[in-house]
Amino acid sequence: MSNLLTYAQKLVYTLMSLMPSRYQQNSLRGLLGLFLEASGRLPEAQLRLTLPEHSQTVSPSSLSRFLNQYKWSCPSVIKAMRQSVLQQILANRPVGRRPTLQVILDLTTLEKTGTL
């Protein structure tokens, strides 16, 4: 469990370092806080708790600006996510024959326009 926590912390710090301003770091922290607050709950409760108005650290308008207007590097975030998942997989693979592995990361919500 602590190994998973170490990977998660490293990923969060990496994502925070990719944000160009302190305001964007705060918004990302607030967004992650909403996701963590809702984890482990029933689907109806998850939906209610992930609404922007339930954030304890940032306003709903600041979350909206973070997701819709701020200019942070989507390709850098995707690259960091991919590297983190790959490190986790390689660190936890069993000894012996390499299994066939397929991983799908749904990152479609990160960017609505543009190209990579």
N, C-alpha and C. Protein backbone atom coordinates (compact mmCIF):
# COMPACT_ATOMS: atom_id res chain seq x y z
N MET A 1 0.82 -1.20 0.00
CA MET A 1 0.00 0.00 0.00
C MET A 1 0.86 1.26 0.00
N SER A 2 1.94 1.25 0.80
CA SER A 2 2.78 2.44 0.85
C SER A 2 3.47 2.66 -0.49
N ASN A 3 3.76 1.58 -1.23
CA ASN A 3 4.36 1.71 -2.55
C ASN A 3 3.40 2.44 -3.50
N LEU A 4 2.12 2.09 -3.45
CA LEU A 4 1.11 2.75 -4.27
C LEU A 4 0.98 4.21 -3.86
N LEU A 5 1.02 4.47 -2.57
CA LEU A 5 0.94 5.84 -2.08
C LEU A 5 2.14 6.66 -2.56
N THR A 6 3.30 6.05 -2.58
CA THR A 6 4.50 6.74 -3.06
C THR A 6 4.36 7.12 -4.53
N TYR A 7 3.85 6.19 -5.35
CA TYR A 7 3.64 6.48 -6.77
C TYR A 7 2.61 7.60 -6.94
N ALA A 8 1.52 7.53 -6.18
CA ALA A 8 0.47 8.54 -6.29
C ALA A 8 1.00 9.92 -5.89
N GLN A 9 1.76 9.98 -4.80
CA GLN A 9 2.32 11.26 -4.37
C GLN A 9 3.28 11.82 -5.42
N LYS A 10 4.11 10.96 -5.97
CA LYS A 10 5.06 11.40 -6.99
C LYS A 10 4.32 11.95 -8.21
N LEU A 11 3.25 11.26 -8.62
CA LEU A 11 2.46 11.73 -9.76
C LEU A 11 1.82 13.08 -9.47
N VAL A 12 1.25 13.24 -8.29
CA VAL A 12 0.62 14.52 -7.94
C VAL A 12 1.65 15.64 -7.95
N TYR A 13 2.82 15.42 -7.36
CA TYR A 13 3.86 16.46 -7.36
C TYR A 13 4.34 16.77 -8.77
N THR A 14 4.42 15.75 -9.62
CA THR A 14 4.82 15.97 -11.01
C THR A 14 3.78 16.82 -11.73
N LEU A 15 2.50 16.47 -11.56
CA LEU A 15 1.43 17.25 -12.20
C LEU A 15 1.41 18.68 -11.69
N MET A 16 1.64 18.86 -10.39
CA MET A 16 1.66 20.21 -9.82
C MET A 16 2.81 21.03 -10.44
N SER A 17 3.94 20.39 -10.65
CA SER A 17 5.08 21.11 -11.21
C SER A 17 4.85 21.52 -12.66
N LEU A 18 3.92 20.85 -13.35
CA LEU A 18 3.62 21.19 -14.74
C LEU A 18 2.70 22.40 -14.86
N MET A 19 2.08 22.80 -13.78
CA MET A 19 1.18 23.94 -13.81
C MET A 19 2.01 25.23 -13.77
N PRO A 20 1.76 26.14 -14.72
CA PRO A 20 2.62 27.32 -14.84
C PRO A 20 2.45 28.38 -13.76
N SER A 21 1.37 28.36 -13.02
CA SER A 21 1.19 29.41 -12.00
C SER A 21 0.69 28.80 -10.69
N ARG A 22 0.84 29.59 -9.65
CA ARG A 22 0.38 29.17 -8.32
C ARG A 22 -1.15 28.98 -8.31
N TYR A 23 -1.87 29.81 -9.07
CA TYR A 23 -3.32 29.71 -9.13
C TYR A 23 -3.75 28.40 -9.78
N GLN A 24 -3.04 28.00 -10.82
CA GLN A 24 -3.36 26.74 -11.48
C GLN A 24 -3.02 25.55 -10.58
N GLN A 25 -1.95 25.66 -9.81
CA GLN A 25 -1.61 24.61 -8.85
C GLN A 25 -2.70 24.49 -7.79
N ASN A 26 -3.20 25.62 -7.30
CA ASN A 26 -4.27 25.60 -6.31
C ASN A 26 -5.55 24.99 -6.89
N SER A 27 -5.85 25.32 -8.14
CA SER A 27 -7.05 24.77 -8.78
C SER A 27 -6.92 23.27 -8.97
N LEU A 28 -5.74 22.81 -9.40
CA LEU A 28 -5.52 21.38 -9.55
C LEU A 28 -5.65 20.67 -8.20
N ARG A 29 -5.08 21.26 -7.17
CA ARG A 29 -5.19 20.70 -5.82
C ARG A 29 -6.66 20.59 -5.39
N GLY A 30 -7.44 21.63 -5.67
CA GLY A 30 -8.86 21.61 -5.34
C GLY A 30 -9.62 20.54 -6.11
N LEU A 31 -9.29 20.40 -7.40
CA LEU A 31 -9.95 19.40 -8.24
C LEU A 31 -9.63 17.99 -7.75
N LEU A 32 -8.35 17.74 -7.45
CA LEU A 32 -7.97 16.42 -6.92
C LEU A 32 -8.63 16.17 -5.57
N GLY A 33 -8.77 17.21 -4.77
CA GLY A 33 -9.45 17.07 -3.49
C GLY A 33 -10.89 16.65 -3.65
N LEU A 34 -11.57 17.20 -4.65
CA LEU A 34 -12.96 16.80 -4.92
C LEU A 34 -13.03 15.32 -5.30
N PHE A 35 -12.09 14.89 -6.14
CA PHE A 35 -12.08 13.48 -6.55
C PHE A 35 -11.82 12.56 -5.36
N LEU A 36 -10.88 12.93 -4.52
CA LEU A 36 -10.56 12.11 -3.35
C LEU A 36 -11.70 12.08 -2.35
N GLU A 37 -12.37 13.20 -2.20
CA GLU A 37 -13.50 13.30 -1.26
C GLU A 37 -14.61 12.34 -1.65
N ALA A 38 -14.81 12.15 -2.96
CA ALA A 38 -15.90 11.31 -3.44
C ALA A 38 -15.53 9.84 -3.56
N SER A 39 -14.25 9.50 -3.46
CA SER A 39 -13.85 8.11 -3.67
C SER A 39 -14.39 7.22 -2.56
N GLY A 40 -14.78 6.04 -2.94
CA GLY A 40 -15.27 5.07 -1.97
C GLY A 40 -16.72 5.27 -1.57
N ARG A 41 -17.43 6.13 -2.24
CA ARG A 41 -18.84 6.37 -1.91
C ARG A 41 -19.74 5.78 -3.01
N LEU A 42 -21.02 5.70 -2.72
CA LEU A 42 -21.98 5.24 -3.71
C LEU A 42 -22.03 6.22 -4.87
N PRO A 43 -22.38 5.76 -6.08
CA PRO A 43 -22.36 6.64 -7.25
C PRO A 43 -23.15 7.94 -7.08
N GLU A 44 -24.33 7.88 -6.42
CA GLU A 44 -25.12 9.10 -6.24
C GLU A 44 -24.38 10.10 -5.36
N ALA A 45 -23.74 9.59 -4.30
CA ALA A 45 -22.99 10.46 -3.39
C ALA A 45 -21.75 11.01 -4.08
N GLN A 46 -21.12 10.20 -4.94
CA GLN A 46 -19.95 10.66 -5.67
C GLN A 46 -20.30 11.86 -6.54
N LEU A 47 -21.42 11.75 -7.23
CA LEU A 47 -21.83 12.83 -8.13
C LEU A 47 -22.07 14.12 -7.35
N ARG A 48 -22.75 14.00 -6.21
CA ARG A 48 -23.03 15.20 -5.41
C ARG A 48 -21.75 15.83 -4.87
N LEU A 49 -20.80 15.01 -4.41
CA LEU A 49 -19.60 15.53 -3.77
C LEU A 49 -18.56 16.05 -4.76
N THR A 50 -18.67 15.69 -6.03
CA THR A 50 -17.68 16.18 -6.99
C THR A 50 -18.14 17.46 -7.67
N LEU A 51 -19.28 17.99 -7.28
CA LEU A 51 -19.72 19.27 -7.84
C LEU A 51 -18.79 20.37 -7.35
N PRO A 52 -18.48 21.34 -8.21
CA PRO A 52 -17.53 22.40 -7.84
C PRO A 52 -17.88 23.16 -6.57
N GLU A 53 -19.15 23.33 -6.28
CA GLU A 53 -19.52 24.10 -5.09
C GLU A 53 -19.19 23.39 -3.77
N HIS A 54 -18.80 22.11 -3.83
CA HIS A 54 -18.41 21.39 -2.62
C HIS A 54 -16.91 21.47 -2.34
N SER A 55 -16.18 22.18 -3.17
CA SER A 55 -14.74 22.33 -2.94
C SER A 55 -14.49 23.15 -1.68
N GLN A 56 -13.58 22.67 -0.86
CA GLN A 56 -13.23 23.37 0.38
C GLN A 56 -12.11 24.38 0.16
N THR A 57 -11.43 24.32 -0.99
CA THR A 57 -10.22 25.13 -1.16
C THR A 57 -10.32 26.18 -2.26
N VAL A 58 -11.08 25.93 -3.31
CA VAL A 58 -11.17 26.88 -4.42
C VAL A 58 -12.62 27.07 -4.83
N SER A 59 -12.90 28.19 -5.47
CA SER A 59 -14.27 28.51 -5.87
C SER A 59 -14.64 27.75 -7.15
N PRO A 60 -15.94 27.57 -7.38
CA PRO A 60 -16.38 26.93 -8.62
C PRO A 60 -15.88 27.68 -9.87
N SER A 61 -15.85 29.01 -9.80
CA SER A 61 -15.39 29.77 -10.97
C SER A 61 -13.91 29.53 -11.24
N SER A 62 -13.12 29.35 -10.19
CA SER A 62 -11.70 29.08 -10.41
C SER A 62 -11.49 27.70 -11.00
N LEU A 63 -12.30 26.71 -10.60
CA LEU A 63 -12.22 25.38 -11.22
C LEU A 63 -12.62 25.45 -12.69
N SER A 64 -13.63 26.25 -12.98
CA SER A 64 -14.07 26.42 -14.37
C SER A 64 -12.97 27.05 -15.21
N ARG A 65 -12.32 28.08 -14.68
CA ARG A 65 -11.22 28.71 -15.42
C ARG A 65 -10.08 27.71 -15.64
N PHE A 66 -9.79 26.91 -14.62
CA PHE A 66 -8.72 25.93 -14.74
C PHE A 66 -9.00 24.95 -15.87
N LEU A 67 -10.22 24.46 -15.95
CA LEU A 67 -10.55 23.45 -16.96
C LEU A 67 -10.83 24.03 -18.33
N ASN A 68 -11.27 25.28 -18.42
CA ASN A 68 -11.72 25.82 -19.70
C ASN A 68 -10.86 26.94 -20.29
N GLN A 69 -10.10 27.66 -19.45
CA GLN A 69 -9.40 28.82 -19.98
C GLN A 69 -7.89 28.80 -19.77
N TYR A 70 -7.44 28.30 -18.65
CA TYR A 70 -6.01 28.35 -18.35
C TYR A 70 -5.20 27.58 -19.38
N LYS A 71 -4.03 28.08 -19.67
CA LYS A 71 -3.15 27.49 -20.68
C LYS A 71 -2.08 26.65 -20.02
N TRP A 72 -2.41 25.39 -19.69
CA TRP A 72 -1.41 24.46 -19.19
C TRP A 72 -1.22 23.40 -20.26
N SER A 73 -0.07 22.76 -20.25
CA SER A 73 0.32 21.86 -21.32
C SER A 73 -0.36 20.49 -21.19
N CYS A 74 -1.36 20.26 -22.00
CA CYS A 74 -2.05 18.97 -22.00
C CYS A 74 -1.11 17.82 -22.40
N PRO A 75 -0.28 17.97 -23.43
CA PRO A 75 0.64 16.88 -23.78
C PRO A 75 1.60 16.53 -22.65
N SER A 76 2.04 17.53 -21.88
CA SER A 76 2.94 17.25 -20.76
C SER A 76 2.23 16.46 -19.67
N VAL A 77 0.97 16.78 -19.43
CA VAL A 77 0.19 16.04 -18.42
C VAL A 77 -0.01 14.60 -18.87
N ILE A 78 -0.35 14.41 -20.14
CA ILE A 78 -0.54 13.06 -20.67
C ILE A 78 0.77 12.26 -20.59
N LYS A 79 1.88 12.89 -20.94
CA LYS A 79 3.19 12.21 -20.88
C LYS A 79 3.51 11.80 -19.45
N ALA A 80 3.26 12.69 -18.49
CA ALA A 80 3.53 12.37 -17.08
C ALA A 80 2.65 11.22 -16.60
N MET A 81 1.38 11.22 -17.01
CA MET A 81 0.47 10.13 -16.64
C MET A 81 0.95 8.80 -17.21
N ARG A 82 1.32 8.80 -18.47
CA ARG A 82 1.79 7.58 -19.12
C ARG A 82 3.05 7.04 -18.45
N GLN A 83 4.00 7.93 -18.17
CA GLN A 83 5.24 7.50 -17.52
C GLN A 83 4.97 6.92 -16.15
N SER A 84 4.07 7.53 -15.41
CA SER A 84 3.75 7.05 -14.07
C SER A 84 3.11 5.66 -14.11
N VAL A 85 2.18 5.47 -15.04
CA VAL A 85 1.52 4.16 -15.17
C VAL A 85 2.53 3.10 -15.58
N LEU A 86 3.40 3.43 -16.52
CA LEU A 86 4.41 2.48 -16.97
C LEU A 86 5.36 2.10 -15.83
N GLN A 87 5.80 3.06 -15.04
CA GLN A 87 6.67 2.77 -13.90
C GLN A 87 5.98 1.84 -12.92
N GLN A 88 4.71 2.11 -12.65
CA GLN A 88 3.95 1.28 -11.71
C GLN A 88 3.82 -0.15 -12.23
N ILE A 89 3.53 -0.29 -13.52
CA ILE A 89 3.38 -1.63 -14.11
C ILE A 89 4.71 -2.39 -14.07
N LEU A 90 5.78 -1.73 -14.45
CA LEU A 90 7.07 -2.40 -14.48
C LEU A 90 7.56 -2.76 -13.08
N ALA A 91 7.23 -1.95 -12.09
CA ALA A 91 7.67 -2.23 -10.73
C ALA A 91 6.90 -3.38 -10.09
N ASN A 92 5.71 -3.67 -10.60
CA ASN A 92 4.86 -4.69 -9.97
C ASN A 92 4.66 -5.93 -10.84
N ARG A 93 5.42 -6.06 -11.91
CA ARG A 93 5.22 -7.24 -12.75
C ARG A 93 5.90 -8.46 -12.12
N PRO A 94 5.32 -9.62 -12.33
CA PRO A 94 5.91 -10.84 -11.76
C PRO A 94 7.15 -11.27 -12.54
N VAL A 95 7.97 -12.07 -11.89
CA VAL A 95 9.18 -12.60 -12.53
C VAL A 95 8.75 -13.73 -13.46
N GLY A 96 9.42 -13.84 -14.58
CA GLY A 96 9.10 -14.91 -15.52
C GLY A 96 8.63 -14.35 -16.84
N ARG A 97 7.79 -15.13 -17.50
CA ARG A 97 7.29 -14.75 -18.81
C ARG A 97 6.50 -13.44 -18.72
N ARG A 98 6.75 -12.56 -19.65
CA ARG A 98 6.07 -11.27 -19.65
C ARG A 98 4.62 -11.46 -20.11
N PRO A 99 3.68 -11.01 -19.33
CA PRO A 99 2.27 -11.15 -19.73
C PRO A 99 1.90 -10.12 -20.81
N THR A 100 0.86 -10.44 -21.55
CA THR A 100 0.31 -9.47 -22.50
C THR A 100 -0.48 -8.47 -21.68
N LEU A 101 -0.20 -7.22 -21.89
CA LEU A 101 -0.82 -6.20 -21.07
C LEU A 101 -1.37 -5.09 -21.95
N GLN A 102 -2.60 -4.70 -21.68
CA GLN A 102 -3.20 -3.58 -22.38
C GLN A 102 -3.72 -2.61 -21.32
N VAL A 103 -3.35 -1.36 -21.44
CA VAL A 103 -3.80 -0.32 -20.51
C VAL A 103 -4.47 0.77 -21.32
N ILE A 104 -5.64 1.17 -20.88
CA ILE A 104 -6.34 2.26 -21.54
C ILE A 104 -6.54 3.37 -20.52
N LEU A 105 -6.02 4.55 -20.84
CA LEU A 105 -6.21 5.72 -19.98
C LEU A 105 -7.19 6.65 -20.69
N ASP A 106 -8.27 6.96 -20.03
CA ASP A 106 -9.24 7.87 -20.61
C ASP A 106 -8.85 9.29 -20.23
N LEU A 107 -8.19 9.96 -21.14
CA LEU A 107 -7.78 11.34 -20.91
C LEU A 107 -8.56 12.30 -21.81
N THR A 108 -9.69 11.84 -22.32
CA THR A 108 -10.45 12.66 -23.25
C THR A 108 -11.05 13.90 -22.59
N THR A 109 -11.16 13.90 -21.28
CA THR A 109 -11.75 15.06 -20.62
C THR A 109 -10.75 16.18 -20.40
N LEU A 110 -9.47 15.95 -20.69
CA LEU A 110 -8.47 16.98 -20.43
C LEU A 110 -8.51 18.13 -21.42
N GLU A 111 -8.72 17.85 -22.66
CA GLU A 111 -8.66 18.91 -23.66
C GLU A 111 -9.79 18.73 -24.66
N LYS A 112 -10.54 19.77 -24.89
CA LYS A 112 -11.69 19.69 -25.77
C LYS A 112 -11.36 20.09 -27.22
N THR A 113 -10.30 20.89 -27.41
CA THR A 113 -9.97 21.34 -28.75
C THR A 113 -8.47 21.21 -28.98
N GLY A 114 -8.07 21.33 -30.22
CA GLY A 114 -6.64 21.33 -30.55
C GLY A 114 -6.14 19.95 -30.94
N THR A 115 -4.85 19.89 -31.21
CA THR A 115 -4.22 18.62 -31.58
C THR A 115 -3.03 18.37 -30.68
N LEU A 116 -2.62 17.11 -30.62
CA LEU A 116 -1.46 16.76 -29.81
C LEU A 116 -0.24 16.63 -30.68
